[in-house]
Amino acid sequence: MNTIYNSKSVSETERFAEELAKKHTPPHTFCLSGDLGAGKTAFTRGIAKGYGYEGRVISPTFTIMNIYEGDTSIYHYDLYRISDEDELFDAGFELPDGLNVAVLEWYDNFAYLFEGDNITFVKITRVGDDERNIEVSESE
């Protein structure tokens, strides 16, 4: 089942993501898609807050992965520059277990890896300068 939420601002996007995160106990994976500047990192900030992380959340564009430590560890990946599965795993990628959560920006090239339980797919579409449509679907 798909749900579409219309966000009018970055703070609304973050609040929506925070509430979404609170509905999913770890281990869980969030797969985010959307154009550059759509709000994937803002969405990740909300997810992190939903799991109790209060620190700084930034895009891992150049580092490939950022880890936000807390009661729940959040592994934030940016797969934009990853070209194949070997490179993905060489960069340290692994699916979450235990009390871990993974957030994947630009997962599309590796969608075949993300099947099964505990996965939420999020597509963010820019509607205006600050407005976004956020489509959420859950794995079955």
N, C-alpha and C. Protein backbone atom coordinates (compact mmCIF):
# COMPACT_ATOMS: atom_id res chain seq x y z
N MET A 1 0.83 -1.18 0.00
CA MET A 1 0.00 0.00 0.00
C MET A 1 0.88 1.24 0.00
N ASN A 2 0.57 2.18 -0.87
CA ASN A 2 1.32 3.43 -0.96
C ASN A 2 0.57 4.54 -0.26
N THR A 3 1.33 5.41 0.39
CA THR A 3 0.80 6.60 1.02
C THR A 3 1.54 7.78 0.43
N ILE A 4 0.81 8.85 0.10
CA ILE A 4 1.45 10.06 -0.40
C ILE A 4 1.18 11.19 0.58
N TYR A 5 2.26 11.83 1.01
CA TYR A 5 2.18 12.96 1.93
C TYR A 5 2.70 14.19 1.20
N ASN A 6 2.00 15.31 1.35
CA ASN A 6 2.44 16.56 0.75
C ASN A 6 3.07 17.41 1.84
N SER A 7 4.34 17.73 1.68
CA SER A 7 5.08 18.55 2.63
C SER A 7 5.25 19.95 2.06
N LYS A 8 5.02 20.95 2.88
CA LYS A 8 5.13 22.34 2.44
C LYS A 8 6.47 22.97 2.80
N SER A 9 7.31 22.25 3.57
CA SER A 9 8.58 22.84 4.02
C SER A 9 9.56 21.74 4.43
N VAL A 10 10.81 22.13 4.59
CA VAL A 10 11.84 21.19 5.06
C VAL A 10 11.47 20.67 6.44
N SER A 11 11.02 21.55 7.32
CA SER A 11 10.68 21.12 8.68
C SER A 11 9.51 20.13 8.67
N GLU A 12 8.53 20.32 7.78
CA GLU A 12 7.43 19.35 7.66
C GLU A 12 7.95 18.00 7.17
N THR A 13 8.87 18.03 6.22
CA THR A 13 9.46 16.80 5.71
C THR A 13 10.17 16.06 6.83
N GLU A 14 10.95 16.79 7.63
CA GLU A 14 11.66 16.17 8.74
C GLU A 14 10.70 15.60 9.77
N ARG A 15 9.63 16.33 10.10
CA ARG A 15 8.65 15.83 11.08
C ARG A 15 7.95 14.57 10.57
N PHE A 16 7.60 14.56 9.28
CA PHE A 16 6.96 13.38 8.71
C PHE A 16 7.89 12.17 8.81
N ALA A 17 9.16 12.35 8.46
CA ALA A 17 10.14 11.26 8.53
C ALA A 17 10.34 10.79 9.96
N GLU A 18 10.36 11.73 10.90
CA GLU A 18 10.51 11.37 12.31
C GLU A 18 9.36 10.47 12.76
N GLU A 19 8.14 10.85 12.41
CA GLU A 19 6.97 10.04 12.79
C GLU A 19 6.99 8.68 12.09
N LEU A 20 7.42 8.66 10.85
CA LEU A 20 7.52 7.39 10.12
C LEU A 20 8.52 6.47 10.80
N ALA A 21 9.65 7.00 11.20
CA ALA A 21 10.68 6.20 11.87
C ALA A 21 10.15 5.59 13.16
N LYS A 22 9.36 6.34 13.89
CA LYS A 22 8.84 5.85 15.17
C LYS A 22 7.92 4.65 15.00
N LYS A 23 7.43 4.42 13.79
CA LYS A 23 6.54 3.28 13.52
C LYS A 23 7.31 2.00 13.19
N HIS A 24 8.63 2.09 13.07
CA HIS A 24 9.43 0.95 12.63
C HIS A 24 10.54 0.64 13.63
N THR A 25 10.45 -0.52 14.24
CA THR A 25 11.50 -0.93 15.16
C THR A 25 12.67 -1.50 14.38
N PRO A 26 13.88 -1.29 14.89
CA PRO A 26 15.07 -1.85 14.24
C PRO A 26 15.06 -3.38 14.34
N PRO A 27 15.69 -4.07 13.44
CA PRO A 27 16.41 -3.53 12.28
C PRO A 27 15.43 -3.11 11.18
N HIS A 28 15.77 -2.05 10.49
CA HIS A 28 14.91 -1.54 9.42
C HIS A 28 15.77 -0.83 8.38
N THR A 29 15.30 -0.85 7.14
CA THR A 29 15.98 -0.16 6.04
C THR A 29 15.00 0.80 5.38
N PHE A 30 15.48 2.03 5.16
CA PHE A 30 14.72 3.05 4.43
C PHE A 30 15.47 3.31 3.12
N CYS A 31 14.80 3.08 2.00
CA CYS A 31 15.38 3.30 0.68
C CYS A 31 14.77 4.57 0.09
N LEU A 32 15.62 5.59 -0.12
CA LEU A 32 15.14 6.89 -0.56
C LEU A 32 15.52 7.15 -2.01
N SER A 33 14.57 7.68 -2.77
CA SER A 33 14.86 8.10 -4.13
C SER A 33 14.28 9.48 -4.36
N GLY A 34 14.88 10.18 -5.30
CA GLY A 34 14.44 11.53 -5.65
C GLY A 34 15.59 12.25 -6.34
N ASP A 35 15.26 13.28 -7.08
CA ASP A 35 16.28 14.05 -7.79
C ASP A 35 17.23 14.75 -6.81
N LEU A 36 18.33 15.27 -7.35
CA LEU A 36 19.24 16.08 -6.54
C LEU A 36 18.44 17.23 -5.92
N GLY A 37 18.64 17.45 -4.64
CA GLY A 37 17.95 18.54 -3.96
C GLY A 37 16.51 18.27 -3.60
N ALA A 38 16.06 17.03 -3.76
CA ALA A 38 14.66 16.71 -3.47
C ALA A 38 14.36 16.71 -1.98
N GLY A 39 15.37 16.43 -1.16
CA GLY A 39 15.15 16.42 0.28
C GLY A 39 15.47 15.10 0.96
N LYS A 40 16.28 14.27 0.31
CA LYS A 40 16.62 12.96 0.89
C LYS A 40 17.38 13.09 2.20
N THR A 41 18.32 14.02 2.27
CA THR A 41 19.08 14.20 3.50
C THR A 41 18.21 14.82 4.59
N ALA A 42 17.34 15.74 4.24
CA ALA A 42 16.39 16.29 5.22
C ALA A 42 15.50 15.18 5.76
N PHE A 43 15.06 14.29 4.90
CA PHE A 43 14.25 13.15 5.32
C PHE A 43 15.06 12.28 6.29
N THR A 44 16.33 12.08 5.99
CA THR A 44 17.19 11.28 6.85
C THR A 44 17.35 11.94 8.22
N ARG A 45 17.45 13.27 8.27
CA ARG A 45 17.52 13.97 9.56
C ARG A 45 16.30 13.63 10.41
N GLY A 46 15.13 13.60 9.78
CA GLY A 46 13.92 13.25 10.51
C GLY A 46 13.93 11.81 10.99
N ILE A 47 14.39 10.90 10.14
CA ILE A 47 14.51 9.49 10.55
C ILE A 47 15.42 9.38 11.76
N ALA A 48 16.58 10.02 11.69
CA ALA A 48 17.54 9.96 12.80
C ALA A 48 16.91 10.48 14.08
N LYS A 49 16.21 11.58 13.99
CA LYS A 49 15.55 12.14 15.18
C LYS A 49 14.50 11.17 15.71
N GLY A 50 13.79 10.50 14.82
CA GLY A 50 12.79 9.52 15.24
C GLY A 50 13.37 8.37 16.03
N TYR A 51 14.64 8.08 15.80
CA TYR A 51 15.32 7.03 16.55
C TYR A 51 16.16 7.60 17.70
N GLY A 52 15.96 8.88 18.01
CA GLY A 52 16.58 9.47 19.19
C GLY A 52 17.92 10.14 18.96
N TYR A 53 18.38 10.23 17.73
CA TYR A 53 19.67 10.87 17.45
C TYR A 53 19.46 12.37 17.35
N GLU A 54 20.26 13.14 18.11
CA GLU A 54 20.11 14.60 18.14
C GLU A 54 21.29 15.32 17.48
N GLY A 55 22.27 14.59 16.99
CA GLY A 55 23.45 15.22 16.40
C GLY A 55 23.22 15.70 14.98
N ARG A 56 24.30 16.08 14.35
CA ARG A 56 24.26 16.62 12.99
C ARG A 56 24.15 15.47 11.98
N VAL A 57 23.27 15.63 11.02
CA VAL A 57 23.09 14.66 9.93
C VAL A 57 23.42 15.38 8.63
N ILE A 58 24.42 14.86 7.93
CA ILE A 58 24.83 15.47 6.66
C ILE A 58 24.90 14.40 5.58
N SER A 59 24.83 14.84 4.35
CA SER A 59 24.87 13.91 3.23
C SER A 59 26.24 13.23 3.14
N PRO A 60 26.26 11.91 2.98
CA PRO A 60 27.53 11.20 2.81
C PRO A 60 27.97 11.12 1.34
N THR A 61 27.76 12.20 0.60
CA THR A 61 28.06 12.21 -0.83
C THR A 61 29.49 11.76 -1.11
N PHE A 62 30.45 12.26 -0.35
CA PHE A 62 31.85 11.94 -0.62
C PHE A 62 32.38 10.82 0.27
N THR A 63 31.80 10.64 1.45
CA THR A 63 32.26 9.59 2.35
C THR A 63 31.57 8.26 2.08
N ILE A 64 30.51 8.26 1.31
CA ILE A 64 29.66 7.11 0.96
C ILE A 64 28.79 6.69 2.15
N MET A 65 29.33 6.71 3.38
CA MET A 65 28.57 6.27 4.54
C MET A 65 28.89 7.14 5.74
N ASN A 66 27.85 7.56 6.46
CA ASN A 66 28.00 8.20 7.76
C ASN A 66 27.28 7.32 8.77
N ILE A 67 27.84 7.23 9.97
CA ILE A 67 27.20 6.46 11.03
C ILE A 67 26.83 7.43 12.14
N TYR A 68 25.58 7.36 12.56
CA TYR A 68 25.09 8.19 13.66
C TYR A 68 24.82 7.25 14.83
N GLU A 69 25.67 7.35 15.86
CA GLU A 69 25.61 6.42 16.99
C GLU A 69 24.63 6.89 18.04
N GLY A 70 23.91 5.94 18.62
CA GLY A 70 22.97 6.20 19.70
C GLY A 70 22.43 4.87 20.17
N ASP A 71 21.29 4.89 20.85
CA ASP A 71 20.66 3.63 21.24
C ASP A 71 20.41 2.77 20.01
N THR A 72 20.08 3.45 18.92
CA THR A 72 19.95 2.81 17.61
C THR A 72 21.03 3.41 16.72
N SER A 73 21.88 2.59 16.15
CA SER A 73 22.89 3.10 15.22
C SER A 73 22.26 3.23 13.84
N ILE A 74 22.50 4.38 13.21
CA ILE A 74 21.92 4.66 11.90
C ILE A 74 23.05 4.74 10.89
N TYR A 75 22.98 3.89 9.88
CA TYR A 75 23.96 3.86 8.80
C TYR A 75 23.35 4.57 7.60
N HIS A 76 23.92 5.72 7.27
CA HIS A 76 23.39 6.59 6.21
C HIS A 76 24.30 6.48 5.00
N TYR A 77 23.79 5.90 3.92
CA TYR A 77 24.58 5.66 2.71
C TYR A 77 24.11 6.57 1.58
N ASP A 78 25.07 7.03 0.78
CA ASP A 78 24.77 7.71 -0.47
C ASP A 78 25.38 6.85 -1.57
N LEU A 79 24.55 6.20 -2.36
CA LEU A 79 25.02 5.24 -3.37
C LEU A 79 25.14 5.85 -4.76
N TYR A 80 25.04 7.17 -4.85
CA TYR A 80 25.04 7.85 -6.15
C TYR A 80 26.26 7.50 -7.00
N ARG A 81 27.44 7.45 -6.38
CA ARG A 81 28.68 7.22 -7.13
C ARG A 81 29.11 5.76 -7.16
N ILE A 82 28.33 4.88 -6.57
CA ILE A 82 28.67 3.46 -6.53
C ILE A 82 28.16 2.81 -7.82
N SER A 83 29.05 2.14 -8.54
CA SER A 83 28.67 1.64 -9.86
C SER A 83 28.29 0.17 -9.90
N ASP A 84 28.78 -0.63 -8.95
CA ASP A 84 28.42 -2.05 -8.99
C ASP A 84 28.41 -2.64 -7.59
N GLU A 85 27.94 -3.87 -7.51
CA GLU A 85 27.76 -4.53 -6.22
C GLU A 85 29.08 -4.72 -5.47
N ASP A 86 30.17 -5.04 -6.17
CA ASP A 86 31.47 -5.19 -5.51
C ASP A 86 31.88 -3.89 -4.83
N GLU A 87 31.74 -2.79 -5.55
CA GLU A 87 32.09 -1.49 -4.99
C GLU A 87 31.20 -1.15 -3.79
N LEU A 88 29.95 -1.54 -3.86
CA LEU A 88 29.02 -1.30 -2.76
C LEU A 88 29.49 -1.99 -1.48
N PHE A 89 29.84 -3.26 -1.58
CA PHE A 89 30.26 -4.00 -0.40
C PHE A 89 31.67 -3.61 0.04
N ASP A 90 32.53 -3.22 -0.90
CA ASP A 90 33.86 -2.71 -0.54
C ASP A 90 33.77 -1.42 0.26
N ALA A 91 32.70 -0.65 0.03
CA ALA A 91 32.50 0.61 0.75
C ALA A 91 31.96 0.38 2.16
N GLY A 92 31.70 -0.87 2.51
CA GLY A 92 31.26 -1.19 3.87
C GLY A 92 29.77 -1.41 4.03
N PHE A 93 29.05 -1.52 2.92
CA PHE A 93 27.61 -1.68 3.02
C PHE A 93 27.24 -3.03 3.61
N GLU A 94 26.26 -3.00 4.51
CA GLU A 94 25.61 -4.22 4.96
C GLU A 94 24.21 -3.87 5.43
N LEU A 95 23.31 -4.83 5.29
CA LEU A 95 21.94 -4.61 5.75
C LEU A 95 21.93 -4.57 7.27
N PRO A 96 21.01 -3.81 7.85
CA PRO A 96 21.01 -3.66 9.30
C PRO A 96 20.57 -4.92 10.02
N ASP A 97 21.09 -5.07 11.24
CA ASP A 97 20.64 -6.14 12.12
C ASP A 97 20.59 -5.58 13.53
N GLY A 98 20.03 -6.34 14.44
CA GLY A 98 19.96 -5.90 15.82
C GLY A 98 19.24 -4.57 15.97
N LEU A 99 19.91 -3.61 16.59
CA LEU A 99 19.34 -2.28 16.82
C LEU A 99 19.81 -1.28 15.79
N ASN A 100 20.11 -1.72 14.60
CA ASN A 100 20.61 -0.84 13.55
C ASN A 100 19.53 -0.51 12.52
N VAL A 101 19.73 0.67 11.92
CA VAL A 101 18.85 1.13 10.85
C VAL A 101 19.74 1.58 9.70
N ALA A 102 19.34 1.28 8.47
CA ALA A 102 20.06 1.77 7.29
C ALA A 102 19.16 2.74 6.54
N VAL A 103 19.76 3.84 6.10
CA VAL A 103 19.07 4.79 5.23
C VAL A 103 19.91 4.90 3.97
N LEU A 104 19.30 4.61 2.83
CA LEU A 104 20.03 4.56 1.57
C LEU A 104 19.49 5.61 0.61
N GLU A 105 20.34 6.58 0.28
CA GLU A 105 20.01 7.52 -0.77
C GLU A 105 20.51 6.94 -2.08
N TRP A 106 19.75 7.11 -3.14
CA TRP A 106 20.12 6.64 -4.48
C TRP A 106 20.28 5.11 -4.53
N TYR A 107 19.36 4.40 -3.92
CA TYR A 107 19.42 2.93 -3.88
C TYR A 107 19.01 2.30 -5.22
N ASP A 108 18.43 3.06 -6.12
CA ASP A 108 17.76 2.54 -7.32
C ASP A 108 18.58 1.52 -8.11
N ASN A 109 19.87 1.75 -8.27
CA ASN A 109 20.71 0.82 -9.05
C ASN A 109 20.87 -0.53 -8.38
N PHE A 110 20.51 -0.60 -7.11
CA PHE A 110 20.67 -1.84 -6.36
C PHE A 110 19.34 -2.32 -5.78
N ALA A 111 18.24 -1.91 -6.39
CA ALA A 111 16.91 -2.23 -5.87
C ALA A 111 16.71 -3.73 -5.68
N TYR A 112 17.34 -4.53 -6.51
CA TYR A 112 17.19 -5.99 -6.42
C TYR A 112 17.72 -6.54 -5.10
N LEU A 113 18.55 -5.79 -4.38
CA LEU A 113 19.07 -6.23 -3.09
C LEU A 113 18.07 -6.02 -1.96
N PHE A 114 17.07 -5.19 -2.21
CA PHE A 114 16.18 -4.76 -1.13
C PHE A 114 14.78 -5.34 -1.31
N GLU A 115 14.69 -6.59 -0.97
CA GLU A 115 13.42 -7.29 -1.00
C GLU A 115 13.25 -7.96 0.36
N GLY A 116 12.02 -8.12 0.76
CA GLY A 116 11.77 -8.79 2.03
C GLY A 116 11.17 -7.84 3.05
N ASP A 117 11.24 -8.26 4.30
CA ASP A 117 10.62 -7.51 5.38
C ASP A 117 11.47 -6.33 5.83
N ASN A 118 10.85 -5.47 6.59
CA ASN A 118 11.53 -4.37 7.27
C ASN A 118 12.19 -3.37 6.32
N ILE A 119 11.53 -3.12 5.19
CA ILE A 119 12.05 -2.13 4.24
C ILE A 119 10.94 -1.15 3.90
N THR A 120 11.29 0.13 3.96
CA THR A 120 10.37 1.19 3.57
C THR A 120 10.98 1.93 2.39
N PHE A 121 10.20 2.07 1.33
CA PHE A 121 10.65 2.78 0.13
C PHE A 121 10.01 4.17 0.13
N VAL A 122 10.84 5.19 -0.10
CA VAL A 122 10.37 6.57 -0.06
C VAL A 122 10.82 7.26 -1.34
N LYS A 123 9.86 7.82 -2.07
CA LYS A 123 10.16 8.59 -3.27
C LYS A 123 9.76 10.04 -3.00
N ILE A 124 10.72 10.95 -3.13
CA ILE A 124 10.48 12.36 -2.86
C ILE A 124 10.50 13.11 -4.19
N THR A 125 9.43 13.83 -4.45
CA THR A 125 9.30 14.58 -5.70
C THR A 125 9.11 16.05 -5.39
N ARG A 126 9.95 16.88 -6.00
CA ARG A 126 9.84 18.33 -5.83
C ARG A 126 8.60 18.82 -6.57
N VAL A 127 7.75 19.59 -5.86
CA VAL A 127 6.55 20.16 -6.45
C VAL A 127 6.73 21.67 -6.63
N GLY A 128 7.48 22.29 -5.74
CA GLY A 128 7.77 23.72 -5.79
C GLY A 128 9.07 23.97 -5.07
N ASP A 129 9.37 25.23 -4.77
CA ASP A 129 10.64 25.55 -4.10
C ASP A 129 10.80 24.76 -2.80
N ASP A 130 9.78 24.77 -1.96
CA ASP A 130 9.84 24.08 -0.68
C ASP A 130 8.88 22.89 -0.58
N GLU A 131 7.96 22.79 -1.51
CA GLU A 131 6.93 21.76 -1.44
C GLU A 131 7.41 20.45 -2.06
N ARG A 132 7.07 19.34 -1.38
CA ARG A 132 7.45 18.01 -1.85
C ARG A 132 6.28 17.05 -1.72
N ASN A 133 6.16 16.12 -2.64
CA ASN A 133 5.29 14.97 -2.47
C ASN A 133 6.17 13.81 -2.04
N ILE A 134 5.77 13.15 -0.99
CA ILE A 134 6.55 12.04 -0.43
C ILE A 134 5.69 10.79 -0.51
N GLU A 135 6.11 9.86 -1.36
CA GLU A 135 5.38 8.61 -1.54
C GLU A 135 6.09 7.51 -0.77
N VAL A 136 5.34 6.85 0.11
CA VAL A 136 5.90 5.82 0.98
C VAL A 136 5.23 4.50 0.67
N SER A 137 6.04 3.47 0.48
CA SER A 137 5.51 2.11 0.33
C SER A 137 6.33 1.18 1.21
N GLU A 138 5.65 0.23 1.78
CA GLU A 138 6.28 -0.73 2.70
C GLU A 138 6.48 -2.06 1.99
N SER A 139 7.56 -2.75 2.35
CA SER A 139 7.77 -4.10 1.80
C SER A 139 6.69 -5.01 2.36
N GLU A 140 6.38 -6.02 1.61
CA GLU A 140 5.34 -6.95 2.05
C GLU A 140 5.93 -8.30 2.34
